[in-house]
Amino acid sequence: MTQPQPDDHPPVFRTWNQVYGFVLLLHVLIISLFYLLTQSYT
């Protein structure tokens, strides 16, 4: 008898790799924004 596999798909994207890529991209964008703001006000 086999046990059913849990449905571990992420809620928004199709794969967890897409979620990780989105988080990484968002992280880079936020760091870039902070860098540009720092350069413009110093």
C-alpha atoms as a PDB file:
ATOM      1  CA  MET A   1       0.000   0.000   0.000  1.00  0.00           C
ATOM      2  CA  THR A   2       1.453   3.375  -0.998  1.00  0.00           C
ATOM      3  CA  GLN A   3       0.938   6.576   0.894  1.00  0.00           C
ATOM      4  CA  PRO A   4      -0.362   9.603  -1.015  1.00  0.00           C
ATOM      5  CA  GLN A   5       2.251  12.225  -1.780  1.00  0.00           C
ATOM      6  CA  PRO A   6       1.668  15.598  -0.140  1.00  0.00           C
ATOM      7  CA  ASP A   7       0.816  18.403  -2.523  1.00  0.00           C
ATOM      8  CA  ASP A   8       3.795  20.675  -1.865  1.00  0.00           C
ATOM      9  CA  HIS A   9       3.363  23.123  -4.722  1.00  0.00           C
ATOM     10  CA  PRO A  10       3.889  26.776  -3.851  1.00  0.00           C
ATOM     11  CA  PRO A  11       0.705  28.856  -3.707  1.00  0.00           C
ATOM     12  CA  VAL A  12       1.611  31.418  -6.413  1.00  0.00           C
ATOM     13  CA  PHE A  13       4.303  30.013  -8.719  1.00  0.00           C
ATOM     14  CA  ARG A  14       4.504  26.613 -10.387  1.00  0.00           C
ATOM     15  CA  THR A  15       7.773  25.494  -8.793  1.00  0.00           C
ATOM     16  CA  TRP A  16       9.795  26.350  -5.718  1.00  0.00           C
ATOM     17  CA  ASN A  17      12.702  27.383  -7.972  1.00  0.00           C
ATOM     18  CA  GLN A  18      10.519  30.160  -9.389  1.00  0.00           C
ATOM     19  CA  VAL A  19       9.736  31.337  -5.864  1.00  0.00           C
ATOM     20  CA  TYR A  20      13.452  31.389  -4.991  1.00  0.00           C
ATOM     21  CA  GLY A  21      14.247  33.262  -8.200  1.00  0.00           C
ATOM     22  CA  PHE A  22      11.576  35.854  -7.465  1.00  0.00           C
ATOM     23  CA  VAL A  23      12.876  36.373  -3.929  1.00  0.00           C
ATOM     24  CA  LEU A  24      16.436  36.723  -5.215  1.00  0.00           C
ATOM     25  CA  LEU A  25      15.362  39.225  -7.875  1.00  0.00           C
ATOM     26  CA  LEU A  26      13.363  41.224  -5.340  1.00  0.00           C
ATOM     27  CA  HIS A  27      16.367  41.245  -3.012  1.00  0.00           C
ATOM     28  CA  VAL A  28      18.618  42.610  -5.773  1.00  0.00           C
ATOM     29  CA  LEU A  29      16.067  45.291  -6.684  1.00  0.00           C
ATOM     30  CA  ILE A  30      15.722  46.468  -3.088  1.00  0.00           C
ATOM     31  CA  ILE A  31      19.490  46.608  -2.573  1.00  0.00           C
ATOM     32  CA  SER A  32      19.877  48.545  -5.833  1.00  0.00           C
ATOM     33  CA  LEU A  33      17.161  50.992  -4.798  1.00  0.00           C
ATOM     34  CA  PHE A  34      18.818  51.582  -1.425  1.00  0.00           C
ATOM     35  CA  TYR A  35      22.184  52.047  -3.130  1.00  0.00           C
ATOM     36  CA  LEU A  36      20.768  54.624  -5.567  1.00  0.00           C
ATOM     37  CA  LEU A  37      18.994  56.479  -2.773  1.00  0.00           C
ATOM     38  CA  THR A  38      22.187  56.553  -0.730  1.00  0.00           C
ATOM     39  CA  GLN A  39      24.205  57.881  -3.661  1.00  0.00           C
ATOM     40  CA  SER A  40      21.693  60.610  -4.454  1.00  0.00           C
ATOM     41  CA  TYR A  41      21.407  61.938  -0.885  1.00  0.00           C
ATOM     42  CA  THR A  42      25.059  61.882   0.206  1.00  0.00           C
END
